[in-house]
Amino acid sequence: MVVIDTDVLIWILRGDKEIEKVFRNVITETEGYIFITPVQIAEIYAGMRPKEEAKVENFLDVLNVIGIDKNIGKLAGTFMNEYGKSHNVTMADALIAASTRKHVFKLWTLNRKHYPMFEDRDFFI
């Protein structure tokens, strides 16, 4: 099972053929168990143009959403405490990382440097 980071979602929405190809393979490999969190939804909406809303809605509606609960919040806080200042980890990335870790999923991102709390085995691709 895979959590898709915002950067990958953006490239899919922009129509990047290579990323779309990998995305289709991920759907097959995971049997559709692809997840996002409310953080990715917020980040996508923050940068969305009004004319893109229908496309974004249709795309996000097919993805599973992991809720953010107390335990995920605590782990995200721990990540911020440990990596926030030294690695410039944002709260958004800490919440995505915590959600991914708590569910024992892999993270598909193009920005591994945003996730110093992860080892290579924690990433998808």
C-alpha atoms as a PDB file:
ATOM      1  CA  MET A   1       0.000   0.000   0.000  1.00  0.00           C
ATOM      2  CA  VAL A   2       1.254   3.401  -1.007  1.00  0.00           C
ATOM      3  CA  VAL A   3       0.767   6.997   0.108  1.00  0.00           C
ATOM      4  CA  ILE A   4       1.272   9.452  -2.733  1.00  0.00           C
ATOM      5  CA  ASP A   5       2.950  12.741  -1.884  1.00  0.00           C
ATOM      6  CA  THR A   6       1.631  16.055  -3.176  1.00  0.00           C
ATOM      7  CA  ASP A   7       4.445  16.527  -5.680  1.00  0.00           C
ATOM      8  CA  VAL A   8       3.524  13.301  -7.468  1.00  0.00           C
ATOM      9  CA  LEU A   9      -0.172  14.219  -7.466  1.00  0.00           C
ATOM     10  CA  ILE A  10       0.649  17.570  -9.047  1.00  0.00           C
ATOM     11  CA  TRP A  11       2.617  15.942 -11.861  1.00  0.00           C
ATOM     12  CA  ILE A  12      -0.213  13.490 -12.505  1.00  0.00           C
ATOM     13  CA  LEU A  13      -2.725  16.348 -12.636  1.00  0.00           C
ATOM     14  CA  ARG A  14      -0.425  18.257 -15.007  1.00  0.00           C
ATOM     15  CA  GLY A  15      -0.399  15.265 -17.343  1.00  0.00           C
ATOM     16  CA  ASP A  16       3.221  14.136 -17.007  1.00  0.00           C
ATOM     17  CA  LYS A  17       3.235  10.975 -19.144  1.00  0.00           C
ATOM     18  CA  GLU A  18       6.076   9.238 -17.302  1.00  0.00           C
ATOM     19  CA  ILE A  19       4.510   9.785 -13.877  1.00  0.00           C
ATOM     20  CA  GLU A  20       1.093   8.739 -15.222  1.00  0.00           C
ATOM     21  CA  LYS A  21       2.626   5.508 -16.513  1.00  0.00           C
ATOM     22  CA  VAL A  22       4.159   4.766 -13.119  1.00  0.00           C
ATOM     23  CA  PHE A  23       0.850   5.671 -11.449  1.00  0.00           C
ATOM     24  CA  ARG A  24      -1.019   3.124 -13.571  1.00  0.00           C
ATOM     25  CA  ASN A  25       1.578   0.502 -12.591  1.00  0.00           C
ATOM     26  CA  VAL A  26       1.208   1.423  -8.921  1.00  0.00           C
ATOM     27  CA  ILE A  27      -2.559   0.954  -9.173  1.00  0.00           C
ATOM     28  CA  THR A  28      -1.989  -2.521 -10.587  1.00  0.00           C
ATOM     29  CA  GLU A  29       0.762  -3.480  -8.119  1.00  0.00           C
ATOM     30  CA  THR A  30      -1.221  -2.340  -5.086  1.00  0.00           C
ATOM     31  CA  GLU A  31      -4.586  -3.523  -6.403  1.00  0.00           C
ATOM     32  CA  GLY A  32      -5.811   0.043  -5.994  1.00  0.00           C
ATOM     33  CA  TYR A  33      -4.582   0.521  -2.439  1.00  0.00           C
ATOM     34  CA  ILE A  34      -3.344   4.059  -3.007  1.00  0.00           C
ATOM     35  CA  PHE A  35      -3.760   6.643  -0.281  1.00  0.00           C
ATOM     36  CA  ILE A  36      -3.483  10.333   0.437  1.00  0.00           C
ATOM     37  CA  THR A  37      -4.135  12.353   3.583  1.00  0.00           C
ATOM     38  CA  PRO A  38      -6.102  15.553   4.161  1.00  0.00           C
ATOM     39  CA  VAL A  39      -2.731  17.316   3.951  1.00  0.00           C
ATOM     40  CA  GLN A  40      -2.296  16.482   0.258  1.00  0.00           C
ATOM     41  CA  ILE A  41      -5.876  17.570  -0.387  1.00  0.00           C
ATOM     42  CA  ALA A  42      -5.216  20.920   1.311  1.00  0.00           C
ATOM     43  CA  GLU A  43      -1.951  21.430  -0.579  1.00  0.00           C
ATOM     44  CA  ILE A  44      -3.596  20.654  -3.933  1.00  0.00           C
ATOM     45  CA  TYR A  45      -6.510  22.998  -3.233  1.00  0.00           C
ATOM     46  CA  ALA A  46      -4.139  25.735  -2.099  1.00  0.00           C
ATOM     47  CA  GLY A  47      -2.526  25.814  -5.540  1.00  0.00           C
ATOM     48  CA  MET A  48      -5.554  24.987  -7.676  1.00  0.00           C
ATOM     49  CA  ARG A  49      -7.020  27.370 -10.228  1.00  0.00           C
ATOM     50  CA  PRO A  50     -10.826  27.620 -10.331  1.00  0.00           C
ATOM     51  CA  LYS A  51     -10.988  26.061 -13.811  1.00  0.00           C
ATOM     52  CA  GLU A  52      -9.141  22.974 -12.501  1.00  0.00           C
ATOM     53  CA  GLU A  53     -11.618  22.191  -9.726  1.00  0.00           C
ATOM     54  CA  ALA A  54     -13.680  19.545 -11.555  1.00  0.00           C
ATOM     55  CA  LYS A  55     -10.592  17.689 -12.741  1.00  0.00           C
ATOM     56  CA  VAL A  56      -9.031  17.804  -9.274  1.00  0.00           C
ATOM     57  CA  GLU A  57     -12.264  16.669  -7.588  1.00  0.00           C
ATOM     58  CA  ASN A  58     -12.651  13.717  -9.967  1.00  0.00           C
ATOM     59  CA  PHE A  59      -9.057  12.635  -9.463  1.00  0.00           C
ATOM     60  CA  LEU A  60      -8.959  12.963  -5.680  1.00  0.00           C
ATOM     61  CA  ASP A  61     -12.298  11.176  -5.321  1.00  0.00           C
ATOM     62  CA  VAL A  62     -10.789   7.917  -6.587  1.00  0.00           C
ATOM     63  CA  LEU A  63      -8.027   7.913  -3.973  1.00  0.00           C
ATOM     64  CA  ASN A  64      -8.377   6.516  -0.455  1.00  0.00           C
ATOM     65  CA  VAL A  65      -7.923   9.050   2.337  1.00  0.00           C
ATOM     66  CA  ILE A  66      -6.155   8.266   5.617  1.00  0.00           C
ATOM     67  CA  GLY A  67      -7.595  10.207   8.525  1.00  0.00           C
ATOM     68  CA  ILE A  68      -5.320  12.101  10.872  1.00  0.00           C
ATOM     69  CA  ASP A  69      -5.834  11.122  14.490  1.00  0.00           C
ATOM     70  CA  LYS A  70      -4.197  11.712  17.869  1.00  0.00           C
ATOM     71  CA  ASN A  71      -1.460   9.108  17.360  1.00  0.00           C
ATOM     72  CA  ILE A  72      -0.548  10.487  13.963  1.00  0.00           C
ATOM     73  CA  GLY A  73      -0.471  13.987  15.457  1.00  0.00           C
ATOM     74  CA  LYS A  74       1.848  12.830  18.242  1.00  0.00           C
ATOM     75  CA  LEU A  75       4.218  11.132  15.810  1.00  0.00           C
ATOM     76  CA  ALA A  76       4.194  14.174  13.515  1.00  0.00           C
ATOM     77  CA  GLY A  77       5.087  16.336  16.515  1.00  0.00           C
ATOM     78  CA  THR A  78       7.951  13.996  17.343  1.00  0.00           C
ATOM     79  CA  PHE A  79       9.190  14.266  13.741  1.00  0.00           C
ATOM     80  CA  MET A  80       8.978  18.072  13.942  1.00  0.00           C
ATOM     81  CA  ASN A  81      10.863  18.074  17.236  1.00  0.00           C
ATOM     82  CA  GLU A  82      13.600  15.878  15.822  1.00  0.00           C
ATOM     83  CA  TYR A  83      13.884  17.137  12.220  1.00  0.00           C
ATOM     84  CA  GLY A  84      12.053  20.458  11.980  1.00  0.00           C
ATOM     85  CA  LYS A  85      14.975  22.776  12.621  1.00  0.00           C
ATOM     86  CA  SER A  86      17.830  20.598  11.410  1.00  0.00           C
ATOM     87  CA  HIS A  87      16.189  19.497   8.135  1.00  0.00           C
ATOM     88  CA  ASN A  88      13.516  22.166   7.606  1.00  0.00           C
ATOM     89  CA  VAL A  89      10.755  19.575   7.809  1.00  0.00           C
ATOM     90  CA  THR A  90       7.354  21.234   7.515  1.00  0.00           C
ATOM     91  CA  MET A  91       4.284  20.289   9.518  1.00  0.00           C
ATOM     92  CA  ALA A  92       2.642  19.097   6.292  1.00  0.00           C
ATOM     93  CA  ASP A  93       5.506  16.696   5.540  1.00  0.00           C
ATOM     94  CA  ALA A  94       5.616  15.541   9.181  1.00  0.00           C
ATOM     95  CA  LEU A  95       1.897  14.709   9.059  1.00  0.00           C
ATOM     96  CA  ILE A  96       2.257  12.842   5.756  1.00  0.00           C
ATOM     97  CA  ALA A  97       5.247  10.929   7.126  1.00  0.00           C
ATOM     98  CA  ALA A  98       3.442  10.092  10.370  1.00  0.00           C
ATOM     99  CA  SER A  99       0.351   8.880   8.497  1.00  0.00           C
ATOM    100  CA  THR A 100       2.496   6.725   6.249  1.00  0.00           C
ATOM    101  CA  ARG A 101       4.513   5.291   9.141  1.00  0.00           C
ATOM    102  CA  LYS A 102       1.518   4.568  11.403  1.00  0.00           C
ATOM    103  CA  HIS A 103      -0.168   2.559   8.657  1.00  0.00           C
ATOM    104  CA  VAL A 104       3.093   0.825   7.640  1.00  0.00           C
ATOM    105  CA  PHE A 105       2.709   2.007   4.052  1.00  0.00           C
ATOM    106  CA  LYS A 106       5.339   3.129   1.558  1.00  0.00           C
ATOM    107  CA  LEU A 107       5.645   6.764   0.470  1.00  0.00           C
ATOM    108  CA  TRP A 108       5.895   7.709  -3.190  1.00  0.00           C
ATOM    109  CA  THR A 109       7.544  11.110  -3.383  1.00  0.00           C
ATOM    110  CA  LEU A 110       9.916  12.897  -5.695  1.00  0.00           C
ATOM    111  CA  ASN A 111      11.315  14.838  -2.721  1.00  0.00           C
ATOM    112  CA  ARG A 112      12.953  12.314  -0.417  1.00  0.00           C
ATOM    113  CA  LYS A 113      14.922  15.067   1.293  1.00  0.00           C
ATOM    114  CA  HIS A 114      11.645  16.253   2.854  1.00  0.00           C
ATOM    115  CA  TYR A 115      11.472  12.968   4.768  1.00  0.00           C
ATOM    116  CA  PRO A 116      14.723  12.486   6.724  1.00  0.00           C
ATOM    117  CA  MET A 117      12.816  10.306   9.191  1.00  0.00           C
ATOM    118  CA  PHE A 118      12.514   7.629   6.489  1.00  0.00           C
ATOM    119  CA  GLU A 119      15.037   5.119   5.223  1.00  0.00           C
ATOM    120  CA  ASP A 120      15.205   3.879   1.632  1.00  0.00           C
ATOM    121  CA  ARG A 121      12.974   0.915   2.464  1.00  0.00           C
ATOM    122  CA  ASP A 122      10.183   3.320   3.541  1.00  0.00           C
ATOM    123  CA  PHE A 123       9.876   4.784   0.056  1.00  0.00           C
ATOM    124  CA  PHE A 124       8.004   3.376  -2.874  1.00  0.00           C
ATOM    125  CA  ILE A 125      10.229   3.612  -5.959  1.00  0.00           C
END
